[in-house]
Amino acid sequence: MLSKRSLEILAEMDAAEKREDWEDSEIVCSGIDCWLGLTKVSRRTVDALLRHLAVSYAAEPGATERYVLSGTGRAILADPSVADRIVAAVLAGKPVDAQGNPIEETGR
């Protein structure tokens, strides 16, 4: 389960995207310091969002770390139980869609 703070960060990212405020819609990290606009975000929160596939790495090689809201992050905002399904699937090594629903494997 994602923490309340993680869900708040996702909501802030989504709101900034809707306003087309692209600079404030990305988490930017340098070492252990991470920011979403003027809001400090703990590295622990960023790591949790990554584990749940709620954000995607969006930086060029050698550039400052940048993370953007993913389709899974948007699905988690609509239904927080998606986060648990995603983590369970990742741990089990099973393919899932952005909502955490199983994908049928074919042709093996």
PDB file of N, CA and C in Angstrom:
ATOM      1  N   MET A   1       0.841  -1.178   0.000  1.00  0.00           N
ATOM      2  CA  MET A   1       0.000   0.000   0.000  1.00  0.00           C
ATOM      3  C   MET A   1       0.888   1.244   0.000  1.00  0.00           C
ATOM      4  N   LEU A   2       0.553   2.171  -0.852  1.00  0.00           N
ATOM      5  CA  LEU A   2       1.290   3.430  -0.862  1.00  0.00           C
ATOM      6  C   LEU A   2       0.860   4.286   0.325  1.00  0.00           C
ATOM      7  N   SER A   3       1.794   5.058   0.840  1.00  0.00           N
ATOM      8  CA  SER A   3       1.493   5.936   1.960  1.00  0.00           C
ATOM      9  C   SER A   3       0.612   7.101   1.508  1.00  0.00           C
ATOM     10  N   LYS A   4       0.004   7.751   2.493  1.00  0.00           N
ATOM     11  CA  LYS A   4      -0.812   8.932   2.212  1.00  0.00           C
ATOM     12  C   LYS A   4       0.037   9.987   1.513  1.00  0.00           C
ATOM     13  N   ARG A   5       1.272  10.151   1.956  1.00  0.00           N
ATOM     14  CA  ARG A   5       2.179  11.145   1.354  1.00  0.00           C
ATOM     15  C   ARG A   5       2.460  10.812  -0.108  1.00  0.00           C
ATOM     16  N   SER A   6       2.673   9.544  -0.415  1.00  0.00           N
ATOM     17  CA  SER A   6       2.922   9.140  -1.798  1.00  0.00           C
ATOM     18  C   SER A   6       1.722   9.468  -2.685  1.00  0.00           C
ATOM     19  N   LEU A   7       0.527   9.217  -2.169  1.00  0.00           N
ATOM     20  CA  LEU A   7      -0.692   9.525  -2.925  1.00  0.00           C
ATOM     21  C   LEU A   7      -0.842  11.033  -3.115  1.00  0.00           C
ATOM     22  N   GLU A   8      -0.454  11.811  -2.094  1.00  0.00           N
ATOM     23  CA  GLU A   8      -0.511  13.271  -2.213  1.00  0.00           C
ATOM     24  C   GLU A   8       0.442  13.765  -3.310  1.00  0.00           C
ATOM     25  N   ILE A   9       1.632  13.177  -3.365  1.00  0.00           N
ATOM     26  CA  ILE A   9       2.615  13.562  -4.386  1.00  0.00           C
ATOM     27  C   ILE A   9       2.075  13.235  -5.777  1.00  0.00           C
ATOM     28  N   LEU A  10       1.480  12.048  -5.936  1.00  0.00           N
ATOM     29  CA  LEU A  10       0.885  11.692  -7.228  1.00  0.00           C
ATOM     30  C   LEU A  10      -0.209  12.683  -7.612  1.00  0.00           C
ATOM     31  N   ALA A  11      -1.035  13.057  -6.652  1.00  0.00           N
ATOM     32  CA  ALA A  11      -2.121  14.011  -6.921  1.00  0.00           C
ATOM     33  C   ALA A  11      -1.561  15.377  -7.322  1.00  0.00           C
ATOM     34  N   GLU A  12      -0.479  15.807  -6.672  1.00  0.00           N
ATOM     35  CA  GLU A  12       0.152  17.084  -7.026  1.00  0.00           C
ATOM     36  C   GLU A  12       0.718  17.031  -8.439  1.00  0.00           C
ATOM     37  N   MET A  13       1.345  15.905  -8.794  1.00  0.00           N
ATOM     38  CA  MET A  13       1.892  15.747 -10.137  1.00  0.00           C
ATOM     39  C   MET A  13       0.774  15.801 -11.177  1.00  0.00           C
ATOM     40  N   ASP A  14      -0.315  15.108 -10.899  1.00  0.00           N
ATOM     41  CA  ASP A  14      -1.459  15.079 -11.803  1.00  0.00           C
ATOM     42  C   ASP A  14      -2.067  16.470 -11.965  1.00  0.00           C
ATOM     43  N   ALA A  15      -2.233  17.189 -10.867  1.00  0.00           N
ATOM     44  CA  ALA A  15      -2.806  18.537 -10.912  1.00  0.00           C
ATOM     45  C   ALA A  15      -1.911  19.485 -11.724  1.00  0.00           C
ATOM     46  N   ALA A  16      -0.596  19.376 -11.552  1.00  0.00           N
ATOM     47  CA  ALA A  16       0.329  20.224 -12.306  1.00  0.00           C
ATOM     48  C   ALA A  16       0.257  19.908 -13.798  1.00  0.00           C
ATOM     49  N   GLU A  17       0.143  18.616 -14.136  1.00  0.00           N
ATOM     50  CA  GLU A  17      -0.010  18.251 -15.545  1.00  0.00           C
ATOM     51  C   GLU A  17      -1.282  18.850 -16.127  1.00  0.00           C
ATOM     52  N   LYS A  18      -2.369  18.770 -15.389  1.00  0.00           N
ATOM     53  CA  LYS A  18      -3.646  19.303 -15.870  1.00  0.00           C
ATOM     54  C   LYS A  18      -3.577  20.808 -16.082  1.00  0.00           C
ATOM     55  N   ARG A  19      -2.755  21.499 -15.284  1.00  0.00           N
ATOM     56  CA  ARG A  19      -2.560  22.949 -15.438  1.00  0.00           C
ATOM     57  C   ARG A  19      -1.540  23.257 -16.534  1.00  0.00           C
ATOM     58  N   GLU A  20      -0.935  22.186 -17.077  1.00  0.00           N
ATOM     59  CA  GLU A  20       0.154  22.288 -18.053  1.00  0.00           C
ATOM     60  C   GLU A  20       1.357  23.028 -17.464  1.00  0.00           C
ATOM     61  N   ASP A  21       1.558  22.814 -16.169  1.00  0.00           N
ATOM     62  CA  ASP A  21       2.700  23.363 -15.442  1.00  0.00           C
ATOM     63  C   ASP A  21       3.758  22.265 -15.407  1.00  0.00           C
ATOM     64  N   TRP A  22       4.432  22.082 -16.544  1.00  0.00           N
ATOM     65  CA  TRP A  22       5.301  20.924 -16.733  1.00  0.00           C
ATOM     66  C   TRP A  22       6.466  20.894 -15.749  1.00  0.00           C
ATOM     67  N   GLU A  23       7.012  22.041 -15.377  1.00  0.00           N
ATOM     68  CA  GLU A  23       8.135  22.057 -14.439  1.00  0.00           C
ATOM     69  C   GLU A  23       7.727  21.523 -13.069  1.00  0.00           C
ATOM     70  N   ASP A  24       6.518  21.813 -12.652  1.00  0.00           N
ATOM     71  CA  ASP A  24       6.059  21.356 -11.341  1.00  0.00           C
ATOM     72  C   ASP A  24       5.361  19.996 -11.400  1.00  0.00           C
ATOM     73  N   SER A  25       5.363  19.369 -12.577  1.00  0.00           N
ATOM     74  CA  SER A  25       4.736  18.053 -12.691  1.00  0.00           C
ATOM     75  C   SER A  25       5.760  16.925 -12.603  1.00  0.00           C
ATOM     76  N   GLU A  26       7.032  17.270 -12.465  1.00  0.00           N
ATOM     77  CA  GLU A  26       8.101  16.272 -12.399  1.00  0.00           C
ATOM     78  C   GLU A  26       8.804  16.319 -11.046  1.00  0.00           C
ATOM     79  N   ILE A  27       9.182  15.142 -10.578  1.00  0.00           N
ATOM     80  CA  ILE A  27      10.057  15.059  -9.401  1.00  0.00           C
ATOM     81  C   ILE A  27      11.482  15.128  -9.933  1.00  0.00           C
ATOM     82  N   VAL A  28      12.277  16.012  -9.353  1.00  0.00           N
ATOM     83  CA  VAL A  28      13.676  16.170  -9.754  1.00  0.00           C
ATOM     84  C   VAL A  28      14.538  15.818  -8.548  1.00  0.00           C
ATOM     85  N   CYS A  29      15.524  14.943  -8.766  1.00  0.00           N
ATOM     86  CA  CYS A  29      16.390  14.503  -7.662  1.00  0.00           C
ATOM     87  C   CYS A  29      17.857  14.751  -7.995  1.00  0.00           C
ATOM     88  N   SER A  30      18.583  15.134  -6.975  1.00  0.00           N
ATOM     89  CA  SER A  30      20.027  15.241  -7.045  1.00  0.00           C
ATOM     90  C   SER A  30      20.549  14.597  -5.774  1.00  0.00           C
ATOM     91  N   GLY A  31      21.116  13.411  -5.913  1.00  0.00           N
ATOM     92  CA  GLY A  31      21.526  12.651  -4.733  1.00  0.00           C
ATOM     93  C   GLY A  31      20.300  12.251  -3.934  1.00  0.00           C
ATOM     94  N   ILE A  32      20.299  12.590  -2.649  1.00  0.00           N
ATOM     95  CA  ILE A  32      19.136  12.238  -1.824  1.00  0.00           C
ATOM     96  C   ILE A  32      18.104  13.362  -1.753  1.00  0.00           C
ATOM     97  N   ASP A  33      18.413  14.506  -2.364  1.00  0.00           N
ATOM     98  CA  ASP A  33      17.482  15.636  -2.364  1.00  0.00           C
ATOM     99  C   ASP A  33      16.548  15.552  -3.563  1.00  0.00           C
ATOM    100  N   CYS A  34      15.232  15.503  -3.300  1.00  0.00           N
ATOM    101  CA  CYS A  34      14.239  15.427  -4.358  1.00  0.00           C
ATOM    102  C   CYS A  34      13.195  16.516  -4.155  1.00  0.00           C
ATOM    103  N   TRP A  35      12.705  17.061  -5.267  1.00  0.00           N
ATOM    104  CA  TRP A  35      11.746  18.160  -5.223  1.00  0.00           C
ATOM    105  C   TRP A  35      10.665  17.960  -6.278  1.00  0.00           C
ATOM    106  N   LEU A  36       9.466  18.330  -5.936  1.00  0.00           N
ATOM    107  CA  LEU A  36       8.353  18.439  -6.873  1.00  0.00           C
ATOM    108  C   LEU A  36       7.958  19.909  -6.835  1.00  0.00           C
ATOM    109  N   GLY A  37       8.432  20.676  -7.808  1.00  0.00           N
ATOM    110  CA  GLY A  37       8.273  22.122  -7.742  1.00  0.00           C
ATOM    111  C   GLY A  37       9.021  22.636  -6.528  1.00  0.00           C
ATOM    112  N   LEU A  38       8.334  23.326  -5.637  1.00  0.00           N
ATOM    113  CA  LEU A  38       8.952  23.844  -4.414  1.00  0.00           C
ATOM    114  C   LEU A  38       8.750  22.919  -3.213  1.00  0.00           C
ATOM    115  N   THR A  39       8.128  21.764  -3.453  1.00  0.00           N
ATOM    116  CA  THR A  39       7.830  20.810  -2.383  1.00  0.00           C
ATOM    117  C   THR A  39       8.946  19.770  -2.287  1.00  0.00           C
ATOM    118  N   LYS A  40       9.555  19.663  -1.114  1.00  0.00           N
ATOM    119  CA  LYS A  40      10.581  18.641  -0.902  1.00  0.00           C
ATOM    120  C   LYS A  40       9.909  17.277  -0.791  1.00  0.00           C
ATOM    121  N   VAL A  41      10.487  16.302  -1.467  1.00  0.00           N
ATOM    122  CA  VAL A  41       9.969  14.932  -1.463  1.00  0.00           C
ATOM    123  C   VAL A  41      11.099  14.037  -0.967  1.00  0.00           C
ATOM    124  N   SER A  42      10.812  13.171  -0.022  1.00  0.00           N
ATOM    125  CA  SER A  42      11.874  12.297   0.494  1.00  0.00           C
ATOM    126  C   SER A  42      12.252  11.251  -0.559  1.00  0.00           C
ATOM    127  N   ARG A  43      13.514  10.867  -0.537  1.00  0.00           N
ATOM    128  CA  ARG A  43      13.993   9.822  -1.452  1.00  0.00           C
ATOM    129  C   ARG A  43      13.200   8.537  -1.216  1.00  0.00           C
ATOM    130  N   ARG A  44      12.823   8.314   0.025  1.00  0.00           N
ATOM    131  CA  ARG A  44      12.035   7.127   0.383  1.00  0.00           C
ATOM    132  C   ARG A  44      10.687   7.126  -0.354  1.00  0.00           C
ATOM    133  N   THR A  45      10.046   8.286  -0.448  1.00  0.00           N
ATOM    134  CA  THR A  45       8.778   8.402  -1.166  1.00  0.00           C
ATOM    135  C   THR A  45       8.996   8.158  -2.655  1.00  0.00           C
ATOM    136  N   VAL A  46      10.045   8.722  -3.220  1.00  0.00           N
ATOM    137  CA  VAL A  46      10.349   8.505  -4.641  1.00  0.00           C
ATOM    138  C   VAL A  46      10.587   7.021  -4.899  1.00  0.00           C
ATOM    139  N   ASP A  47      11.354   6.372  -4.029  1.00  0.00           N
ATOM    140  CA  ASP A  47      11.617   4.939  -4.191  1.00  0.00           C
ATOM    141  C   ASP A  47      10.330   4.117  -4.123  1.00  0.00           C
ATOM    142  N   ALA A  48       9.419   4.492  -3.214  1.00  0.00           N
ATOM    143  CA  ALA A  48       8.136   3.789  -3.122  1.00  0.00           C
ATOM    144  C   ALA A  48       7.334   3.970  -4.405  1.00  0.00           C
ATOM    145  N   LEU A  49       7.319   5.179  -4.948  1.00  0.00           N
ATOM    146  CA  LEU A  49       6.602   5.427  -6.202  1.00  0.00           C
ATOM    147  C   LEU A  49       7.197   4.614  -7.343  1.00  0.00           C
ATOM    148  N   LEU A  50       8.514   4.491  -7.360  1.00  0.00           N
ATOM    149  CA  LEU A  50       9.174   3.666  -8.384  1.00  0.00           C
ATOM    150  C   LEU A  50       8.828   2.195  -8.221  1.00  0.00           C
ATOM    151  N   ARG A  51       8.853   1.689  -6.986  1.00  0.00           N
ATOM    152  CA  ARG A  51       8.516   0.285  -6.727  1.00  0.00           C
ATOM    153  C   ARG A  51       7.102  -0.062  -7.178  1.00  0.00           C
ATOM    154  N   HIS A  52       6.214   0.916  -7.071  1.00  0.00           N
ATOM    155  CA  HIS A  52       4.813   0.707  -7.457  1.00  0.00           C
ATOM    156  C   HIS A  52       4.558   1.082  -8.916  1.00  0.00           C
ATOM    157  N   LEU A  53       5.632   1.432  -9.650  1.00  0.00           N
ATOM    158  CA  LEU A  53       5.557   1.809 -11.060  1.00  0.00           C
ATOM    159  C   LEU A  53       4.666   3.027 -11.298  1.00  0.00           C
ATOM    160  N   ALA A  54       4.530   3.869 -10.271  1.00  0.00           N
ATOM    161  CA  ALA A  54       3.664   5.041 -10.345  1.00  0.00           C
ATOM    162  C   ALA A  54       4.329   6.219 -11.047  1.00  0.00           C
ATOM    163  N   VAL A  55       5.656   6.199 -11.136  1.00  0.00           N
ATOM    164  CA  VAL A  55       6.404   7.223 -11.858  1.00  0.00           C
ATOM    165  C   VAL A  55       7.394   6.534 -12.787  1.00  0.00           C
ATOM    166  N   SER A  56       7.799   7.263 -13.809  1.00  0.00           N
ATOM    167  CA  SER A  56       8.769   6.748 -14.777  1.00  0.00           C
ATOM    168  C   SER A  56       9.975   7.666 -14.824  1.00  0.00           C
ATOM    169  N   TYR A  57      11.142   7.072 -15.015  1.00  0.00           N
ATOM    170  CA  TYR A  57      12.385   7.828 -15.159  1.00  0.00           C
ATOM    171  C   TYR A  57      12.339   8.563 -16.490  1.00  0.00           C
ATOM    172  N   ALA A  58      12.629   9.859 -16.484  1.00  0.00           N
ATOM    173  CA  ALA A  58      12.475  10.659 -17.696  1.00  0.00           C
ATOM    174  C   ALA A  58      13.693  11.515 -18.022  1.00  0.00           C
ATOM    175  N   ALA A  59      14.852  11.160 -17.518  1.00  0.00           N
ATOM    176  CA  ALA A  59      16.048  11.975 -17.740  1.00  0.00           C
ATOM    177  C   ALA A  59      16.934  11.356 -18.811  1.00  0.00           C
ATOM    178  N   GLU A  60      17.706  12.196 -19.450  1.00  0.00           N
ATOM    179  CA  GLU A  60      18.707  11.744 -20.406  1.00  0.00           C
ATOM    180  C   GLU A  60      19.900  11.199 -19.628  1.00  0.00           C
ATOM    181  N   PRO A  61      20.665  10.279 -20.227  1.00  0.00           N
ATOM    182  CA  PRO A  61      21.846   9.751 -19.537  1.00  0.00           C
ATOM    183  C   PRO A  61      22.783  10.874 -19.088  1.00  0.00           C
ATOM    184  N   GLY A  62      23.217  10.810 -17.852  1.00  0.00           N
ATOM    185  CA  GLY A  62      24.131  11.797 -17.298  1.00  0.00           C
ATOM    186  C   GLY A  62      23.473  13.067 -16.800  1.00  0.00           C
ATOM    187  N   ALA A  63      22.167  13.194 -17.002  1.00  0.00           N
ATOM    188  CA  ALA A  63      21.453  14.394 -16.567  1.00  0.00           C
ATOM    189  C   ALA A  63      20.905  14.198 -15.154  1.00  0.00           C
ATOM    190  N   THR A  64      20.346  15.260 -14.593  1.00  0.00           N
ATOM    191  CA  THR A  64      19.697  15.191 -13.287  1.00  0.00           C
ATOM    192  C   THR A  64      18.526  14.212 -13.359  1.00  0.00           C
ATOM    193  N   GLU A  65      18.327  13.439 -12.297  1.00  0.00           N
ATOM    194  CA  GLU A  65      17.211  12.488 -12.261  1.00  0.00           C
ATOM    195  C   GLU A  65      15.885  13.225 -12.348  1.00  0.00           C
ATOM    196  N   ARG A  66      14.999  12.756 -13.213  1.00  0.00           N
ATOM    197  CA  ARG A  66      13.663  13.330 -13.334  1.00  0.00           C
ATOM    198  C   ARG A  66      12.664  12.184 -13.431  1.00  0.00           C
ATOM    199  N   TYR A  67      11.541  12.346 -12.762  1.00  0.00           N
ATOM    200  CA  TYR A  67      10.494  11.324 -12.776  1.00  0.00           C
ATOM    201  C   TYR A  67       9.165  11.973 -13.118  1.00  0.00           C
ATOM    202  N   VAL A  68       8.399  11.312 -13.998  1.00  0.00           N
ATOM    203  CA  VAL A  68       7.089  11.809 -14.405  1.00  0.00           C
ATOM    204  C   VAL A  68       6.020  10.798 -14.006  1.00  0.00           C
ATOM    205  N   LEU A  69       4.809  11.269 -13.903  1.00  0.00           N
ATOM    206  CA  LEU A  69       3.674  10.420 -13.578  1.00  0.00           C
ATOM    207  C   LEU A  69       3.453   9.417 -14.707  1.00  0.00           C
ATOM    208  N   SER A  70       3.271   8.150 -14.356  1.00  0.00           N
ATOM    209  CA  SER A  70       3.033   7.105 -15.354  1.00  0.00           C
ATOM    210  C   SER A  70       1.541   6.788 -15.451  1.00  0.00           C
ATOM    211  N   GLY A  71       1.191   5.980 -16.430  1.00  0.00           N
ATOM    212  CA  GLY A  71      -0.193   5.524 -16.550  1.00  0.00           C
ATOM    213  C   GLY A  71      -0.624   4.761 -15.315  1.00  0.00           C
ATOM    214  N   THR A  72       0.284   3.991 -14.748  1.00  0.00           N
ATOM    215  CA  THR A  72      -0.029   3.261 -13.519  1.00  0.00           C
ATOM    216  C   THR A  72      -0.263   4.236 -12.368  1.00  0.00           C
ATOM    217  N   GLY A  73       0.525   5.309 -12.306  1.00  0.00           N
ATOM    218  CA  GLY A  73       0.316   6.329 -11.270  1.00  0.00           C
ATOM    219  C   GLY A  73      -1.063   6.949 -11.376  1.00  0.00           C
ATOM    220  N   ARG A  74      -1.503   7.197 -12.603  1.00  0.00           N
ATOM    221  CA  ARG A  74      -2.851   7.746 -12.804  1.00  0.00           C
ATOM    222  C   ARG A  74      -3.913   6.736 -12.373  1.00  0.00           C
ATOM    223  N   ALA A  75      -3.685   5.465 -12.677  1.00  0.00           N
ATOM    224  CA  ALA A  75      -4.624   4.407 -12.266  1.00  0.00           C
ATOM    225  C   ALA A  75      -4.678   4.299 -10.750  1.00  0.00           C
ATOM    226  N   ILE A  76      -3.539   4.463 -10.084  1.00  0.00           N
ATOM    227  CA  ILE A  76      -3.489   4.413  -8.619  1.00  0.00           C
ATOM    228  C   ILE A  76      -4.284   5.571  -8.022  1.00  0.00           C
ATOM    229  N   LEU A  77      -4.208   6.742  -8.646  1.00  0.00           N
ATOM    230  CA  LEU A  77      -4.995   7.888  -8.162  1.00  0.00           C
ATOM    231  C   LEU A  77      -6.490   7.593  -8.233  1.00  0.00           C
ATOM    232  N   ALA A  78      -6.906   6.917  -9.291  1.00  0.00           N
ATOM    233  CA  ALA A  78      -8.327   6.587  -9.456  1.00  0.00           C
ATOM    234  C   ALA A  78      -8.759   5.459  -8.530  1.00  0.00           C
ATOM    235  N   ASP A  79      -7.834   4.515  -8.263  1.00  0.00           N
ATOM    236  CA  ASP A  79      -8.136   3.349  -7.430  1.00  0.00           C
ATOM    237  C   ASP A  79      -6.861   2.921  -6.710  1.00  0.00           C
ATOM    238  N   PRO A  80      -6.650   3.352  -5.460  1.00  0.00           N
ATOM    239  CA  PRO A  80      -5.415   3.035  -4.736  1.00  0.00           C
ATOM    240  C   PRO A  80      -5.112   1.539  -4.601  1.00  0.00           C
ATOM    241  N   SER A  81      -6.088   0.661  -4.750  1.00  0.00           N
ATOM    242  CA  SER A  81      -5.813  -0.780  -4.653  1.00  0.00           C
ATOM    243  C   SER A  81      -4.952  -1.271  -5.816  1.00  0.00           C
ATOM    244  N   VAL A  82      -4.854  -0.481  -6.887  1.00  0.00           N
ATOM    245  CA  VAL A  82      -3.991  -0.843  -8.015  1.00  0.00           C
ATOM    246  C   VAL A  82      -2.552  -1.009  -7.527  1.00  0.00           C
ATOM    247  N   ALA A  83      -2.122  -0.176  -6.585  1.00  0.00           N
ATOM    248  CA  ALA A  83      -0.749  -0.224  -6.079  1.00  0.00           C
ATOM    249  C   ALA A  83      -0.409  -1.605  -5.521  1.00  0.00           C
ATOM    250  N   ASP A  84      -1.314  -2.195  -4.764  1.00  0.00           N
ATOM    251  CA  ASP A  84      -1.065  -3.515  -4.188  1.00  0.00           C
ATOM    252  C   ASP A  84      -1.002  -4.587  -5.273  1.00  0.00           C
ATOM    253  N   ARG A  85      -1.873  -4.485  -6.276  1.00  0.00           N
ATOM    254  CA  ARG A  85      -1.873  -5.476  -7.371  1.00  0.00           C
ATOM    255  C   ARG A  85      -0.576  -5.389  -8.177  1.00  0.00           C
ATOM    256  N   ILE A  86      -0.096  -4.175  -8.382  1.00  0.00           N
ATOM    257  CA  ILE A  86       1.154  -3.993  -9.133  1.00  0.00           C
ATOM    258  C   ILE A  86       2.324  -4.638  -8.388  1.00  0.00           C
ATOM    259  N   VAL A  87       2.455  -4.341  -7.114  1.00  0.00           N
ATOM    260  CA  VAL A  87       3.570  -4.884  -6.329  1.00  0.00           C
ATOM    261  C   VAL A  87       3.496  -6.407  -6.274  1.00  0.00           C
ATOM    262  N   ALA A  88       2.316  -6.960  -6.066  1.00  0.00           N
ATOM    263  CA  ALA A  88       2.160  -8.418  -6.026  1.00  0.00           C
ATOM    264  C   ALA A  88       2.588  -9.039  -7.350  1.00  0.00           C
ATOM    265  N   ALA A  89       2.218  -8.421  -8.454  1.00  0.00           N
ATOM    266  CA  ALA A  89       2.584  -8.953  -9.765  1.00  0.00           C
ATOM    267  C   ALA A  89       4.082  -8.858 -10.007  1.00  0.00           C
ATOM    268  N   VAL A  90       4.681  -7.734  -9.630  1.00  0.00           N
ATOM    269  CA  VAL A  90       6.125  -7.565  -9.802  1.00  0.00           C
ATOM    270  C   VAL A  90       6.869  -8.614  -8.989  1.00  0.00           C
ATOM    271  N   LEU A  91       6.460  -8.813  -7.747  1.00  0.00           N
ATOM    272  CA  LEU A  91       7.122  -9.809  -6.892  1.00  0.00           C
ATOM    273  C   LEU A  91       6.947 -11.221  -7.428  1.00  0.00           C
ATOM    274  N   ALA A  92       5.803 -11.493  -8.057  1.00  0.00           N
ATOM    275  CA  ALA A  92       5.539 -12.822  -8.615  1.00  0.00           C
ATOM    276  C   ALA A  92       6.107 -12.983 -10.028  1.00  0.00           C
ATOM    277  N   GLY A  93       6.596 -11.892 -10.598  1.00  0.00           N
ATOM    278  CA  GLY A  93       7.143 -11.948 -11.945  1.00  0.00           C
ATOM    279  C   GLY A  93       6.075 -12.141 -13.011  1.00  0.00           C
ATOM    280  N   LYS A  94       4.873 -11.679 -12.738  1.00  0.00           N
ATOM    281  CA  LYS A  94       3.759 -11.854 -13.677  1.00  0.00           C
ATOM    282  C   LYS A  94       3.478 -10.540 -14.410  1.00  0.00           C
ATOM    283  N   PRO A  95       3.177 -10.626 -15.708  1.00  0.00           N
ATOM    284  CA  PRO A  95       2.866  -9.405 -16.454  1.00  0.00           C
ATOM    285  C   PRO A  95       1.474  -8.873 -16.123  1.00  0.00           C
ATOM    286  N   VAL A  96       1.378  -7.559 -15.996  1.00  0.00           N
ATOM    287  CA  VAL A  96       0.100  -6.898 -15.722  1.00  0.00           C
ATOM    288  C   VAL A  96       0.007  -5.633 -16.563  1.00  0.00           C
ATOM    289  N   ASP A  97      -1.221  -5.140 -16.726  1.00  0.00           N
ATOM    290  CA  ASP A  97      -1.408  -3.866 -17.415  1.00  0.00           C
ATOM    291  C   ASP A  97      -1.250  -2.725 -16.411  1.00  0.00           C
ATOM    292  N   ALA A  98      -1.489  -1.503 -16.848  1.00  0.00           N
ATOM    293  CA  ALA A  98      -1.288  -0.319 -15.992  1.00  0.00           C
ATOM    294  C   ALA A  98      -2.216  -0.286 -14.788  1.00  0.00           C
ATOM    295  N   GLN A  99      -3.327  -1.050 -14.820  1.00  0.00           N
ATOM    296  CA  GLN A  99      -4.251  -1.103 -13.697  1.00  0.00           C
ATOM    297  C   GLN A  99      -3.988  -2.290 -12.779  1.00  0.00           C
ATOM    298  N   GLY A 100      -2.940  -3.052 -13.084  1.00  0.00           N
ATOM    299  CA  GLY A 100      -2.596  -4.205 -12.252  1.00  0.00           C
ATOM    300  C   GLY A 100      -3.366  -5.450 -12.598  1.00  0.00           C
ATOM    301  N   ASN A 101      -4.057  -5.452 -13.730  1.00  0.00           N
ATOM    302  CA  ASN A 101      -4.797  -6.637 -14.170  1.00  0.00           C
ATOM    303  C   ASN A 101      -3.862  -7.590 -14.909  1.00  0.00           C
ATOM    304  N   PRO A 102      -3.989  -8.897 -14.665  1.00  0.00           N
ATOM    305  CA  PRO A 102      -3.114  -9.859 -15.331  1.00  0.00           C
ATOM    306  C   PRO A 102      -3.229  -9.792 -16.859  1.00  0.00           C
ATOM    307  N   ILE A 103      -2.109  -9.987 -17.513  1.00  0.00           N
ATOM    308  CA  ILE A 103      -2.071 -10.069 -18.974  1.00  0.00           C
ATOM    309  C   ILE A 103      -1.857 -11.526 -19.321  1.00  0.00           C
ATOM    310  N   GLU A 104      -2.698 -12.040 -20.178  1.00  0.00           N
ATOM    311  CA  GLU A 104      -2.568 -13.440 -20.611  1.00  0.00           C
ATOM    312  C   GLU A 104      -1.300 -13.587 -21.441  1.00  0.00           C
ATOM    313  N   GLU A 105      -0.486 -14.565 -21.069  1.00  0.00           N
ATOM    314  CA  GLU A 105       0.729 -14.854 -21.828  1.00  0.00           C
ATOM    315  C   GLU A 105       0.368 -15.866 -22.907  1.00  0.00           C
ATOM    316  N   THR A 106       0.791 -15.596 -24.129  1.00  0.00           N
ATOM    317  CA  THR A 106       0.486 -16.491 -25.240  1.00  0.00           C
ATOM    318  C   THR A 106       1.762 -16.934 -25.921  1.00  0.00           C
ATOM    319  N   GLY A 107       1.647 -18.075 -26.617  1.00  0.00           N
ATOM    320  CA  GLY A 107       2.740 -18.541 -27.460  1.00  0.00           C
ATOM    321  C   GLY A 107       3.982 -19.014 -26.766  1.00  0.00           C
ATOM    322  N   ARG A 108       3.851 -19.626 -25.623  1.00  0.00           N
ATOM    323  CA  ARG A 108       5.055 -20.150 -24.960  1.00  0.00           C
ATOM    324  C   ARG A 108       5.270 -21.579 -25.287  1.00  0.00           C
TER     325      ARG A 108
END
